[in-house]
Amino acid sequence: TKRSLFDPSCTGVFDRQLLRRLRRVCDDCFNVFREPNVSTECRSNCYNNEVFRQCMEYLLPPHLHEEHRLAVQMVGK
């Protein structure tokens, strides 16, 4: 299915733009830290995890944090 192209743990709203935005945070975080597990852990549980939150706080200006937290809730469980 189309949903599985992104992440089967994301069972909420299927919104390509939101999923792309969340995935970009994980990709950028991996590019900064170059730790092999960052990308996988960041995406785990449909982005609802500590690694994603740390990446978001490190990479994004504070005024975008709430927007990304809401996106995680929308696409998540």
PDB file of N, CA and C in Angstrom:
ATOM      1  N   THR A   1       0.830  -1.196   0.000  1.00  0.00           N
ATOM      2  CA  THR A   1       0.000   0.000   0.000  1.00  0.00           C
ATOM      3  C   THR A   1       0.868   1.251   0.000  1.00  0.00           C
ATOM      4  N   LYS A   2       0.259   2.357  -0.311  1.00  0.00           N
ATOM      5  CA  LYS A   2       1.001   3.613  -0.295  1.00  0.00           C
ATOM      6  C   LYS A   2       1.508   3.936   1.095  1.00  0.00           C
ATOM      7  N   ARG A   3       0.691   3.631   2.108  1.00  0.00           N
ATOM      8  CA  ARG A   3       1.070   3.951   3.478  1.00  0.00           C
ATOM      9  C   ARG A   3       2.385   3.261   3.851  1.00  0.00           C
ATOM     10  N   SER A   4       2.590   2.031   3.409  1.00  0.00           N
ATOM     11  CA  SER A   4       3.783   1.294   3.799  1.00  0.00           C
ATOM     12  C   SER A   4       5.049   1.834   3.136  1.00  0.00           C
ATOM     13  N   LEU A   5       4.911   2.661   2.109  1.00  0.00           N
ATOM     14  CA  LEU A   5       6.086   3.267   1.506  1.00  0.00           C
ATOM     15  C   LEU A   5       6.819   4.150   2.507  1.00  0.00           C
ATOM     16  N   PHE A   6       6.098   4.688   3.452  1.00  0.00           N
ATOM     17  CA  PHE A   6       6.718   5.568   4.430  1.00  0.00           C
ATOM     18  C   PHE A   6       7.062   4.824   5.713  1.00  0.00           C
ATOM     19  N   ASP A   7       6.072   4.370   6.433  1.00  0.00           N
ATOM     20  CA  ASP A   7       6.326   3.688   7.695  1.00  0.00           C
ATOM     21  C   ASP A   7       5.058   2.988   8.151  1.00  0.00           C
ATOM     22  N   PRO A   8       5.096   1.675   8.261  1.00  0.00           N
ATOM     23  CA  PRO A   8       3.889   0.940   8.666  1.00  0.00           C
ATOM     24  C   PRO A   8       3.435   1.266  10.089  1.00  0.00           C
ATOM     25  N   SER A   9       4.306   1.847  10.906  1.00  0.00           N
ATOM     26  CA  SER A   9       3.891   2.208  12.267  1.00  0.00           C
ATOM     27  C   SER A   9       3.073   3.495  12.287  1.00  0.00           C
ATOM     28  N   CYS A  10       3.017   4.193  11.153  1.00  0.00           N
ATOM     29  CA  CYS A  10       2.224   5.424  11.065  1.00  0.00           C
ATOM     30  C   CYS A  10       0.806   5.062  10.642  1.00  0.00           C
ATOM     31  N   THR A  11      -0.079   4.977  11.606  1.00  0.00           N
ATOM     32  CA  THR A  11      -1.440   4.525  11.316  1.00  0.00           C
ATOM     33  C   THR A  11      -2.464   5.649  11.402  1.00  0.00           C
ATOM     34  N   GLY A  12      -1.994   6.870  11.573  1.00  0.00           N
ATOM     35  CA  GLY A  12      -2.908   8.013  11.637  1.00  0.00           C
ATOM     36  C   GLY A  12      -3.205   8.538  10.241  1.00  0.00           C
ATOM     37  N   VAL A  13      -3.341   9.838  10.131  1.00  0.00           N
ATOM     38  CA  VAL A  13      -3.638  10.501   8.863  1.00  0.00           C
ATOM     39  C   VAL A  13      -2.487  10.260   7.885  1.00  0.00           C
ATOM     40  N   PHE A  14      -2.816   9.833   6.665  1.00  0.00           N
ATOM     41  CA  PHE A  14      -1.782   9.640   5.644  1.00  0.00           C
ATOM     42  C   PHE A  14      -1.634  10.941   4.869  1.00  0.00           C
ATOM     43  N   ASP A  15      -0.597  11.688   5.192  1.00  0.00           N
ATOM     44  CA  ASP A  15      -0.346  12.983   4.571  1.00  0.00           C
ATOM     45  C   ASP A  15       1.105  12.998   4.112  1.00  0.00           C
ATOM     46  N   ARG A  16       1.300  12.879   2.812  1.00  0.00           N
ATOM     47  CA  ARG A  16       2.665  12.794   2.274  1.00  0.00           C
ATOM     48  C   ARG A  16       3.531  13.971   2.697  1.00  0.00           C
ATOM     49  N   GLN A  17       2.957  15.159   2.687  1.00  0.00           N
ATOM     50  CA  GLN A  17       3.733  16.347   3.027  1.00  0.00           C
ATOM     51  C   GLN A  17       4.208  16.306   4.481  1.00  0.00           C
ATOM     52  N   LEU A  18       3.318  15.933   5.394  1.00  0.00           N
ATOM     53  CA  LEU A  18       3.714  15.831   6.803  1.00  0.00           C
ATOM     54  C   LEU A  18       4.770  14.748   6.991  1.00  0.00           C
ATOM     55  N   LEU A  19       4.561  13.605   6.366  1.00  0.00           N
ATOM     56  CA  LEU A  19       5.523  12.506   6.492  1.00  0.00           C
ATOM     57  C   LEU A  19       6.883  12.900   5.922  1.00  0.00           C
ATOM     58  N   ARG A  20       6.874  13.612   4.800  1.00  0.00           N
ATOM     59  CA  ARG A  20       8.129  14.080   4.207  1.00  0.00           C
ATOM     60  C   ARG A  20       8.852  15.036   5.153  1.00  0.00           C
ATOM     61  N   ARG A  21       8.095  15.932   5.775  1.00  0.00           N
ATOM     62  CA  ARG A  21       8.679  16.910   6.693  1.00  0.00           C
ATOM     63  C   ARG A  21       9.321  16.206   7.895  1.00  0.00           C
ATOM     64  N   LEU A  22       8.632  15.208   8.427  1.00  0.00           N
ATOM     65  CA  LEU A  22       9.169  14.468   9.575  1.00  0.00           C
ATOM     66  C   LEU A  22      10.395  13.651   9.169  1.00  0.00           C
ATOM     67  N   ARG A  23      10.305  13.013   8.013  1.00  0.00           N
ATOM     68  CA  ARG A  23      11.440  12.214   7.528  1.00  0.00           C
ATOM     69  C   ARG A  23      12.663  13.102   7.303  1.00  0.00           C
ATOM     70  N   ARG A  24      12.429  14.331   6.840  1.00  0.00           N
ATOM     71  CA  ARG A  24      13.534  15.258   6.580  1.00  0.00           C
ATOM     72  C   ARG A  24      14.304  15.582   7.860  1.00  0.00           C
ATOM     73  N   VAL A  25      13.579  15.713   8.977  1.00  0.00           N
ATOM     74  CA  VAL A  25      14.249  15.961  10.263  1.00  0.00           C
ATOM     75  C   VAL A  25      15.212  14.810  10.562  1.00  0.00           C
ATOM     76  N   CYS A  26      14.754  13.584  10.359  1.00  0.00           N
ATOM     77  CA  CYS A  26      15.605  12.414  10.625  1.00  0.00           C
ATOM     78  C   CYS A  26      16.782  12.348   9.656  1.00  0.00           C
ATOM     79  N   ASP A  27      16.535  12.634   8.384  1.00  0.00           N
ATOM     80  CA  ASP A  27      17.620  12.617   7.397  1.00  0.00           C
ATOM     81  C   ASP A  27      18.676  13.665   7.731  1.00  0.00           C
ATOM     82  N   ASP A  28      18.227  14.869   8.072  1.00  0.00           N
ATOM     83  CA  ASP A  28      19.165  15.937   8.415  1.00  0.00           C
ATOM     84  C   ASP A  28      19.947  15.592   9.675  1.00  0.00           C
ATOM     85  N   CYS A  29      19.271  14.987  10.625  1.00  0.00           N
ATOM     86  CA  CYS A  29      19.928  14.598  11.874  1.00  0.00           C
ATOM     87  C   CYS A  29      21.015  13.555  11.589  1.00  0.00           C
ATOM     88  N   PHE A  30      20.705  12.593  10.749  1.00  0.00           N
ATOM     89  CA  PHE A  30      21.706  11.590  10.367  1.00  0.00           C
ATOM     90  C   PHE A  30      22.894  12.264   9.680  1.00  0.00           C
ATOM     91  N   ASN A  31      22.624  13.219   8.790  1.00  0.00           N
ATOM     92  CA  ASN A  31      23.699  13.905   8.070  1.00  0.00           C
ATOM     93  C   ASN A  31      24.592  14.719   9.000  1.00  0.00           C
ATOM     94  N   VAL A  32      24.038  15.220  10.083  1.00  0.00           N
ATOM     95  CA  VAL A  32      24.825  15.988  11.046  1.00  0.00           C
ATOM     96  C   VAL A  32      25.668  15.061  11.920  1.00  0.00           C
ATOM     97  N   PHE A  33      25.046  14.029  12.465  1.00  0.00           N
ATOM     98  CA  PHE A  33      25.727  13.195  13.461  1.00  0.00           C
ATOM     99  C   PHE A  33      26.410  11.962  12.885  1.00  0.00           C
ATOM    100  N   ARG A  34      25.991  11.513  11.720  1.00  0.00           N
ATOM    101  CA  ARG A  34      26.605  10.352  11.055  1.00  0.00           C
ATOM    102  C   ARG A  34      26.661   9.109  11.938  1.00  0.00           C
ATOM    103  N   GLU A  35      25.669   8.951  12.778  1.00  0.00           N
ATOM    104  CA  GLU A  35      25.558   7.743  13.598  1.00  0.00           C
ATOM    105  C   GLU A  35      24.611   6.792  12.874  1.00  0.00           C
ATOM    106  N   PRO A  36      25.016   5.541  12.641  1.00  0.00           N
ATOM    107  CA  PRO A  36      24.201   4.619  11.846  1.00  0.00           C
ATOM    108  C   PRO A  36      22.783   4.412  12.383  1.00  0.00           C
ATOM    109  N   ASN A  37      22.603   4.436  13.683  1.00  0.00           N
ATOM    110  CA  ASN A  37      21.284   4.154  14.249  1.00  0.00           C
ATOM    111  C   ASN A  37      20.357   5.356  14.288  1.00  0.00           C
ATOM    112  N   VAL A  38      20.888   6.553  14.088  1.00  0.00           N
ATOM    113  CA  VAL A  38      20.073   7.764  14.232  1.00  0.00           C
ATOM    114  C   VAL A  38      18.868   7.736  13.305  1.00  0.00           C
ATOM    115  N   SER A  39      19.076   7.421  12.059  1.00  0.00           N
ATOM    116  CA  SER A  39      17.983   7.461  11.088  1.00  0.00           C
ATOM    117  C   SER A  39      16.871   6.477  11.447  1.00  0.00           C
ATOM    118  N   THR A  40      17.240   5.252  11.783  1.00  0.00           N
ATOM    119  CA  THR A  40      16.250   4.227  12.125  1.00  0.00           C
ATOM    120  C   THR A  40      15.536   4.550  13.428  1.00  0.00           C
ATOM    121  N   GLU A  41      16.304   4.918  14.434  1.00  0.00           N
ATOM    122  CA  GLU A  41      15.698   5.223  15.732  1.00  0.00           C
ATOM    123  C   GLU A  41      14.813   6.459  15.655  1.00  0.00           C
ATOM    124  N   CYS A  42      15.217   7.435  14.867  1.00  0.00           N
ATOM    125  CA  CYS A  42      14.446   8.669  14.713  1.00  0.00           C
ATOM    126  C   CYS A  42      13.064   8.383  14.127  1.00  0.00           C
ATOM    127  N   ARG A  43      12.984   7.409  13.231  1.00  0.00           N
ATOM    128  CA  ARG A  43      11.712   7.074  12.573  1.00  0.00           C
ATOM    129  C   ARG A  43      10.865   6.072  13.367  1.00  0.00           C
ATOM    130  N   SER A  44      11.442   5.463  14.397  1.00  0.00           N
ATOM    131  CA  SER A  44      10.722   4.408  15.114  1.00  0.00           C
ATOM    132  C   SER A  44       9.454   4.942  15.772  1.00  0.00           C
ATOM    133  N   ASN A  45       8.483   4.065  15.915  1.00  0.00           N
ATOM    134  CA  ASN A  45       7.193   4.406  16.519  1.00  0.00           C
ATOM    135  C   ASN A  45       6.564   5.622  15.831  1.00  0.00           C
ATOM    136  N   CYS A  46       6.720   5.679  14.526  1.00  0.00           N
ATOM    137  CA  CYS A  46       6.169   6.778  13.719  1.00  0.00           C
ATOM    138  C   CYS A  46       6.611   8.140  14.253  1.00  0.00           C
ATOM    139  N   TYR A  47       7.900   8.277  14.488  1.00  0.00           N
ATOM    140  CA  TYR A  47       8.527   9.535  14.906  1.00  0.00           C
ATOM    141  C   TYR A  47       8.200   9.937  16.339  1.00  0.00           C
ATOM    142  N   ASN A  48       7.458   9.141  17.051  1.00  0.00           N
ATOM    143  CA  ASN A  48       7.106   9.480  18.431  1.00  0.00           C
ATOM    144  C   ASN A  48       8.126   8.839  19.367  1.00  0.00           C
ATOM    145  N   ASN A  49       9.310   9.445  19.451  1.00  0.00           N
ATOM    146  CA  ASN A  49      10.393   8.889  20.251  1.00  0.00           C
ATOM    147  C   ASN A  49      11.372   9.986  20.651  1.00  0.00           C
ATOM    148  N   GLU A  50      12.239   9.655  21.564  1.00  0.00           N
ATOM    149  CA  GLU A  50      13.179  10.633  22.117  1.00  0.00           C
ATOM    150  C   GLU A  50      14.202  11.097  21.081  1.00  0.00           C
ATOM    151  N   VAL A  51      14.661  10.210  20.213  1.00  0.00           N
ATOM    152  CA  VAL A  51      15.654  10.593  19.207  1.00  0.00           C
ATOM    153  C   VAL A  51      15.067  11.651  18.273  1.00  0.00           C
ATOM    154  N   PHE A  52      13.831  11.451  17.816  1.00  0.00           N
ATOM    155  CA  PHE A  52      13.211  12.461  16.954  1.00  0.00           C
ATOM    156  C   PHE A  52      13.110  13.797  17.688  1.00  0.00           C
ATOM    157  N   ARG A  53      12.676  13.766  18.947  1.00  0.00           N
ATOM    158  CA  ARG A  53      12.537  15.020  19.708  1.00  0.00           C
ATOM    159  C   ARG A  53      13.884  15.725  19.851  1.00  0.00           C
ATOM    160  N   GLN A  54      14.934  14.965  20.116  1.00  0.00           N
ATOM    161  CA  GLN A  54      16.262  15.576  20.246  1.00  0.00           C
ATOM    162  C   GLN A  54      16.740  16.153  18.918  1.00  0.00           C
ATOM    163  N   CYS A  55      16.499  15.429  17.836  1.00  0.00           N
ATOM    164  CA  CYS A  55      16.881  15.930  16.512  1.00  0.00           C
ATOM    165  C   CYS A  55      16.123  17.216  16.198  1.00  0.00           C
ATOM    166  N   MET A  56      14.833  17.213  16.461  1.00  0.00           N
ATOM    167  CA  MET A  56      13.995  18.377  16.194  1.00  0.00           C
ATOM    168  C   MET A  56      14.509  19.583  16.987  1.00  0.00           C
ATOM    169  N   GLU A  57      14.798  19.377  18.263  1.00  0.00           N
ATOM    170  CA  GLU A  57      15.260  20.482  19.098  1.00  0.00           C
ATOM    171  C   GLU A  57      16.626  20.991  18.656  1.00  0.00           C
ATOM    172  N   TYR A  58      17.463  20.100  18.154  1.00  0.00           N
ATOM    173  CA  TYR A  58      18.793  20.498  17.706  1.00  0.00           C
ATOM    174  C   TYR A  58      18.749  21.231  16.363  1.00  0.00           C
ATOM    175  N   LEU A  59      17.907  20.746  15.452  1.00  0.00           N
ATOM    176  CA  LEU A  59      17.929  21.239  14.076  1.00  0.00           C
ATOM    177  C   LEU A  59      16.964  22.382  13.773  1.00  0.00           C
ATOM    178  N   LEU A  60      15.845  22.416  14.471  1.00  0.00           N
ATOM    179  CA  LEU A  60      14.793  23.363  14.100  1.00  0.00           C
ATOM    180  C   LEU A  60      14.706  24.528  15.077  1.00  0.00           C
ATOM    181  N   PRO A  61      14.359  25.702  14.566  1.00  0.00           N
ATOM    182  CA  PRO A  61      14.140  26.829  15.474  1.00  0.00           C
ATOM    183  C   PRO A  61      12.933  26.547  16.369  1.00  0.00           C
ATOM    184  N   PRO A  62      12.959  27.055  17.584  1.00  0.00           N
ATOM    185  CA  PRO A  62      11.899  26.751  18.559  1.00  0.00           C
ATOM    186  C   PRO A  62      10.480  27.015  18.061  1.00  0.00           C
ATOM    187  N   HIS A  63      10.289  28.011  17.218  1.00  0.00           N
ATOM    188  CA  HIS A  63       8.919  28.313  16.775  1.00  0.00           C
ATOM    189  C   HIS A  63       8.334  27.222  15.871  1.00  0.00           C
ATOM    190  N   LEU A  64       9.142  26.267  15.418  1.00  0.00           N
ATOM    191  CA  LEU A  64       8.642  25.167  14.589  1.00  0.00           C
ATOM    192  C   LEU A  64       8.409  23.876  15.379  1.00  0.00           C
ATOM    193  N   HIS A  65       8.821  23.844  16.629  1.00  0.00           N
ATOM    194  CA  HIS A  65       8.708  22.612  17.418  1.00  0.00           C
ATOM    195  C   HIS A  65       7.262  22.152  17.572  1.00  0.00           C
ATOM    196  N   GLU A  66       6.369  23.051  17.934  1.00  0.00           N
ATOM    197  CA  GLU A  66       4.979  22.656  18.161  1.00  0.00           C
ATOM    198  C   GLU A  66       4.352  22.122  16.872  1.00  0.00           C
ATOM    199  N   GLU A  67       4.653  22.764  15.762  1.00  0.00           N
ATOM    200  CA  GLU A  67       4.137  22.316  14.460  1.00  0.00           C
ATOM    201  C   GLU A  67       4.558  20.873  14.176  1.00  0.00           C
ATOM    202  N   HIS A  68       5.799  20.542  14.480  1.00  0.00           N
ATOM    203  CA  HIS A  68       6.288  19.187  14.243  1.00  0.00           C
ATOM    204  C   HIS A  68       5.713  18.194  15.250  1.00  0.00           C
ATOM    205  N   ARG A  69       5.527  18.630  16.493  1.00  0.00           N
ATOM    206  CA  ARG A  69       4.894  17.747  17.486  1.00  0.00           C
ATOM    207  C   ARG A  69       3.465  17.402  17.064  1.00  0.00           C
ATOM    208  N   LEU A  70       2.747  18.382  16.553  1.00  0.00           N
ATOM    209  CA  LEU A  70       1.379  18.130  16.080  1.00  0.00           C
ATOM    210  C   LEU A  70       1.381  17.195  14.875  1.00  0.00           C
ATOM    211  N   ALA A  71       2.360  17.353  13.991  1.00  0.00           N
ATOM    212  CA  ALA A  71       2.464  16.473  12.822  1.00  0.00           C
ATOM    213  C   ALA A  71       2.680  15.027  13.265  1.00  0.00           C
ATOM    214  N   VAL A  72       3.527  14.819  14.269  1.00  0.00           N
ATOM    215  CA  VAL A  72       3.768  13.466  14.790  1.00  0.00           C
ATOM    216  C   VAL A  72       2.467  12.877  15.323  1.00  0.00           C
ATOM    217  N   GLN A  73       1.686  13.677  16.024  1.00  0.00           N
ATOM    218  CA  GLN A  73       0.408  13.193  16.553  1.00  0.00           C
ATOM    219  C   GLN A  73      -0.561  12.842  15.429  1.00  0.00           C
ATOM    220  N   MET A  74      -0.565  13.640  14.367  1.00  0.00           N
ATOM    221  CA  MET A  74      -1.505  13.399  13.266  1.00  0.00           C
ATOM    222  C   MET A  74      -1.207  12.110  12.514  1.00  0.00           C
ATOM    223  N   VAL A  75       0.065  11.862  12.220  1.00  0.00           N
ATOM    224  CA  VAL A  75       0.416  10.685  11.417  1.00  0.00           C
ATOM    225  C   VAL A  75       0.601   9.440  12.275  1.00  0.00           C
ATOM    226  N   GLY A  76       0.729   9.632  13.575  1.00  0.00           N
ATOM    227  CA  GLY A  76       0.977   8.513  14.483  1.00  0.00           C
ATOM    228  C   GLY A  76      -0.272   7.736  14.804  1.00  0.00           C
ATOM    229  N   LYS A  77      -0.182   7.028  15.882  1.00  0.00           N
ATOM    230  CA  LYS A  77      -1.254   6.111  16.268  1.00  0.00           C
ATOM    231  C   LYS A  77      -2.458   6.844  16.814  1.00  0.00           C
TER     232      LYS A  77
END
